[in-house]
Protein backbone atom coordinates (compact mmCIF):
# COMPACT_ATOMS: atom_id res chain seq x y z
CA MET A 1 -46.41 -12.13 97.07
CA SER A 2 -44.30 -14.78 95.31
CA ARG A 3 -40.84 -15.72 96.50
CA SER A 4 -39.30 -14.53 93.24
CA SER A 5 -41.02 -11.15 93.66
CA ALA A 6 -39.89 -10.88 97.25
CA GLY A 7 -36.34 -11.82 96.28
CA TRP A 8 -36.31 -9.20 93.54
CA ARG A 9 -37.41 -6.57 96.03
CA ARG A 10 -34.66 -7.54 98.49
CA THR A 11 -32.09 -7.30 95.72
CA ALA A 12 -33.34 -3.92 94.50
CA CYS A 13 -34.11 -2.38 97.87
CA GLY A 14 -31.92 -4.17 100.38
CA ARG A 15 -28.47 -3.57 101.74
CA ARG A 16 -25.66 -2.03 99.84
CA GLY A 17 -22.35 -1.85 101.67
CA GLY A 18 -23.89 -4.03 104.37
CA VAL A 19 -25.88 -1.43 106.30
CA HIS A 20 -27.93 1.01 104.19
CA ARG A 21 -31.51 0.59 103.00
CA LEU A 22 -33.78 2.56 100.69
CA PRO A 23 -37.16 2.49 102.46
CA THR A 24 -38.84 5.04 100.22
CA LEU A 25 -37.86 3.22 97.04
CA CYS A 26 -38.99 -0.08 98.55
CA THR A 27 -42.37 1.40 99.46
CA ASP A 28 -42.86 2.88 95.99
CA LEU A 29 -41.95 -0.38 94.30
CA ALA A 30 -44.21 -2.35 96.60
CA ARG A 31 -47.14 -0.03 95.88
CA ALA A 32 -46.56 -0.18 92.14
CA ASP A 33 -46.36 -3.98 92.21
CA ASP A 34 -49.49 -4.29 94.35
CA ALA A 35 -51.38 -1.85 92.10
CA ALA A 36 -50.40 -3.86 89.04
CA GLN A 37 -51.63 -7.07 90.70
CA MET A 38 -54.91 -5.45 91.73
CA ASN A 39 -55.39 -4.05 88.23
CA THR A 40 -54.83 -7.48 86.68
CA LEU A 41 -57.32 -9.05 89.08
CA ALA A 42 -59.91 -6.40 88.14
CA LEU A 43 -59.71 -7.24 84.43
CA ASP A 44 -62.14 -9.55 82.72
CA GLN A 45 -60.68 -12.98 82.06
CA GLU A 46 -60.17 -12.49 78.32
CA SER A 47 -58.32 -9.18 78.79
CA ALA A 48 -56.15 -10.68 81.53
CA GLU A 49 -55.26 -13.58 79.25
CA TRP A 50 -54.31 -11.21 76.44
CA LEU A 51 -52.02 -9.24 78.73
CA ASP A 52 -50.44 -12.34 80.21
CA ALA A 53 -49.73 -13.80 76.77
CA LEU A 54 -48.31 -10.58 75.31
CA ARG A 55 -45.96 -10.11 78.26
CA ARG A 56 -44.33 -13.51 77.86
CA ASN A 57 -41.18 -14.33 75.92
CA ASP A 58 -42.08 -17.60 74.28
CA SER A 59 -44.26 -19.13 71.59
CA VAL A 60 -47.38 -18.17 73.55
CA ARG A 61 -46.53 -14.52 72.94
CA ASP A 62 -45.87 -15.16 69.25
CA ASP A 63 -49.28 -16.81 68.91
CA ALA A 64 -50.97 -13.93 70.75
CA ILE A 65 -49.28 -11.38 68.48
CA ALA A 66 -50.43 -13.28 65.40
CA ARG A 67 -54.01 -13.42 66.70
CA LEU A 68 -53.93 -9.75 67.62
CA HIS A 69 -52.62 -8.76 64.18
CA ALA A 70 -55.40 -10.77 62.52
CA LEU A 71 -57.96 -8.95 64.67
CA LEU A 72 -56.47 -5.55 63.84
CA LEU A 73 -56.47 -6.38 60.14
CA ARG A 74 -60.18 -7.30 60.26
CA VAL A 75 -60.95 -4.03 62.04
CA SER A 76 -58.91 -2.07 59.51
CA ARG A 77 -60.74 -3.66 56.58
CA ALA A 78 -64.09 -2.96 58.23
CA GLU A 79 -63.10 0.68 58.72
CA VAL A 80 -62.12 0.95 55.06
CA SER A 81 -65.47 -0.53 54.07
CA ARG A 82 -67.23 2.00 56.29
CA ARG A 83 -65.31 4.83 54.65
CA ARG A 84 -65.53 3.41 51.13
CA ALA A 85 -66.26 6.85 49.65
CA LEU A 86 -62.61 7.74 50.31
CA VAL A 87 -61.23 4.71 48.44
CA GLN A 88 -63.53 4.32 45.44
CA SER A 89 -60.80 5.21 42.96
CA ARG A 90 -58.12 3.00 44.51
CA ALA A 91 -57.27 -0.50 43.34
CA THR A 92 -58.20 -3.43 45.57
CA ASP A 93 -54.54 -4.37 46.09
CA ASP A 94 -53.72 -0.82 47.17
CA VAL A 95 -56.57 -0.81 49.68
CA ASP A 96 -55.55 -4.17 51.13
CA ASP A 97 -51.95 -3.01 51.41
CA LEU A 98 -53.17 0.07 53.27
CA CYS A 99 -55.05 -2.16 55.70
CA VAL A 100 -52.02 -4.38 56.29
CA GLN A 101 -49.80 -1.37 56.95
CA ALA A 102 -52.38 0.12 59.31
CA ALA A 103 -52.62 -3.18 61.21
CA ASN A 104 -48.83 -3.39 61.40
CA ASP A 105 -48.50 0.12 62.80
CA ALA A 106 -51.38 -0.44 65.23
CA LEU A 107 -49.75 -3.64 66.50
CA MET A 108 -46.43 -1.89 67.11
CA ALA A 109 -48.18 0.95 68.94
CA ILE A 110 -50.12 -1.47 71.14
CA LEU A 111 -47.01 -3.43 72.12
CA ALA A 112 -45.17 -0.20 72.90
CA LYS A 113 -48.04 1.09 75.05
CA LEU A 114 -49.08 -2.17 76.67
CA SER A 115 -48.17 -0.86 80.11
CA THR A 116 -50.64 2.02 79.72
CA TYR A 117 -53.66 -0.29 79.46
CA ARG A 118 -55.72 0.23 82.61
CA GLY A 119 -58.70 -2.02 82.00
CA ASP A 120 -61.28 0.74 81.54
CA ALA A 121 -62.55 -1.25 78.54
CA ARG A 122 -61.95 -4.76 77.25
CA PHE A 123 -58.43 -5.22 75.91
CA THR A 124 -59.70 -5.95 72.40
CA THR A 125 -61.81 -2.77 72.44
CA TRP A 126 -58.79 -0.75 73.54
CA ALA A 127 -56.59 -2.39 70.91
CA CYS A 128 -59.08 -1.92 68.07
CA LYS A 129 -58.99 1.85 68.59
CA PHE A 130 -55.38 1.81 67.44
CA ALA A 131 -56.34 0.06 64.20
CA ILE A 132 -59.20 2.50 63.57
CA TYR A 133 -56.91 5.48 64.14
CA GLU A 134 -54.13 4.15 61.90
CA THR A 135 -56.60 3.24 59.14
CA SER A 136 -58.38 6.60 59.28
CA SER A 137 -55.09 8.45 59.20
CA ARG A 138 -53.90 6.53 56.14
CA LEU A 139 -57.22 7.00 54.37
CA ARG A 140 -57.10 10.75 54.90
CA ARG A 141 -53.58 10.92 53.51
CA ALA A 142 -54.57 8.74 50.55
CA ALA A 143 -57.59 10.93 49.78
CA TRP A 144 -55.36 13.99 49.57
CA ARG A 145 -52.49 12.33 47.70
CA GLU A 146 -53.42 13.83 44.34
CA ARG A 147 -54.70 17.14 45.71
CA ARG A 148 -52.62 20.25 46.17
CA VAL A 149 -52.41 22.21 49.39
CA GLU A 150 -52.03 25.87 48.49
CA LEU A 151 -53.48 29.32 49.04
CA ASP A 152 -56.60 29.64 46.92
CA ASP A 153 -58.78 32.76 47.02
CA ALA A 154 -61.52 30.84 45.23
CA VAL A 155 -62.19 28.97 48.47
CA TRP A 156 -64.17 32.00 49.67
CA ASP A 157 -66.53 31.68 46.71
CA ARG A 158 -67.16 28.01 47.52
CA LEU A 159 -68.10 28.61 51.16
CA PRO A 160 -71.82 29.44 50.63
CA ASP A 161 -72.32 26.02 49.00
CA ALA A 162 -70.35 23.82 51.41
CA ALA A 163 -68.96 25.63 54.41
CA PRO A 164 -67.10 23.42 56.91
CA ALA A 165 -68.64 23.13 60.36
CA ALA A 166 -66.10 25.56 61.81
CA LEU A 167 -67.52 28.37 59.66
CA GLN A 168 -71.19 27.46 59.38
CA ARG A 169 -72.21 29.85 62.17
CA LEU A 170 -70.72 32.82 60.30
CA GLU A 171 -73.68 33.11 57.94
CA SER A 172 -73.75 36.86 57.45
CA ASP A 173 -72.14 38.15 54.27
CA GLN A 174 -70.91 41.12 56.28
CA VAL A 175 -69.19 38.88 58.83
CA MET A 176 -67.64 36.73 56.11
CA ALA A 177 -66.31 39.86 54.42
CA ALA A 178 -64.81 41.01 57.71
CA LEU A 179 -63.24 37.59 58.22
CA ARG A 180 -61.71 37.65 54.75
CA ARG A 181 -60.24 41.10 55.37
CA ALA A 182 -58.83 39.91 58.70
CA VAL A 183 -57.22 36.88 57.05
CA ASP A 184 -55.64 39.07 54.36
CA GLU A 185 -54.50 41.86 56.68
CA HIS A 186 -53.54 40.15 59.94
CA LEU A 187 -52.17 36.72 59.09
CA THR A 188 -48.77 35.80 57.74
CA GLU A 189 -48.65 33.80 54.51
CA ARG A 190 -48.02 30.58 56.42
CA GLN A 191 -50.85 31.31 58.85
CA ARG A 192 -53.19 32.00 55.91
CA LEU A 193 -52.22 28.72 54.26
CA ILE A 194 -52.76 26.69 57.42
CA PHE A 195 -55.99 28.45 58.42
CA GLN A 196 -57.55 28.17 54.98
CA SER A 197 -56.42 24.55 54.57
CA VAL A 198 -57.78 23.36 57.92
CA ALA A 199 -60.77 25.63 58.60
CA MET A 200 -62.00 26.12 55.05
CA ASP A 201 -60.74 23.25 52.90
CA ASP A 202 -60.96 20.59 55.65
CA VAL A 203 -57.42 19.36 55.02
CA PRO A 204 -56.54 16.83 57.76
CA ILE A 205 -53.90 18.02 60.22
CA ASP A 206 -51.63 15.04 59.60
CA VAL A 207 -51.82 15.55 55.83
CA LEU A 208 -50.96 19.23 56.17
CA ALA A 209 -48.07 18.49 58.51
CA GLU A 210 -46.70 15.98 56.02
CA ARG A 211 -47.01 18.39 53.07
CA LEU A 212 -45.37 21.25 54.97
CA ASN A 213 -42.65 18.99 56.38
CA THR A 214 -43.48 19.87 59.97
CA SER A 215 -45.16 18.34 63.02
CA ARG A 216 -48.81 18.19 64.02
CA GLY A 217 -47.93 20.23 67.10
CA ALA A 218 -46.45 23.01 64.96
CA ILE A 219 -49.59 23.06 62.80
CA TYR A 220 -51.83 23.31 65.87
CA LYS A 221 -49.66 26.12 67.28
CA THR A 222 -49.83 28.13 64.03
CA LEU A 223 -53.58 27.53 63.77
CA HIS A 224 -54.08 28.65 67.38
CA ASP A 225 -52.12 31.86 66.76
CA ALA A 226 -54.04 32.55 63.54
CA ARG A 227 -57.41 32.09 65.22
CA ALA A 228 -56.39 34.37 68.08
CA LYS A 229 -55.48 37.12 65.61
CA LEU A 230 -58.73 36.69 63.70
CA ARG A 231 -60.79 36.75 66.90
CA ARG A 232 -59.19 40.04 67.95
CA ALA A 233 -59.71 41.52 64.49
CA LEU A 234 -63.38 40.53 64.35
CA ILE A 235 -64.03 41.89 67.85
CA GLU A 236 -62.38 45.18 66.90
CA ALA A 237 -64.54 45.29 63.76
CA GLY A 238 -67.69 44.95 65.89
CA HIS A 239 -68.48 41.29 65.19
CA GLY A 240 -67.67 39.84 68.59
CA GLU A 241 -71.25 38.63 69.09
CA HIS A 242 -70.74 36.05 66.34
CA LEU A 243 -67.85 34.41 68.20
CA SER A 244 -68.36 31.72 70.82
């Protein structure tokens, strides 16, 4: 343990009023500090260097942030290239701007969550996941920018040609008819909109939350309630064997 670390512990955990100590707090702090040191030692050299640089408050940190942003931008552009079917109609400048914004948001998220990195994977692997998530999220929103999210009975007619994975196992016309009746009779208008959008039209959750001016958690809650109602209705109608 360094002298500065030991001094900090004495200041935080030592006497106050000349006589009292906080042994439990001292023990907890000591364990946390030791765990952090052990975790750093367990990291590969490159990951440890990244962490050390990003935790500083000088030009070394600035350089590390610039290098990290460049890496995230490359990952974002590669993800866009991989998903090029979603961006065929968008101008090159728009796509590059999307990548820059995704890299910016990924960088901010990484810096905010730096303390959560546990070394289960290389630091760059962990960091790149943020860029992939941000890019994918922006691509999904961009793909739905010109599309409307609304109740559409015609979606039932399109199911035989391209049913989403969530409904592929319900192949029987009789079961599909029972499901449609359950949707019409047991769900509220908002539940119908969310269920049809997510389960039948494959609208991304984050896009739907944005359109309905609500949170992802609220969408998941409504979807959970809707599915529970539909499950009960299908079981009551004698189609429980089709449900997993």
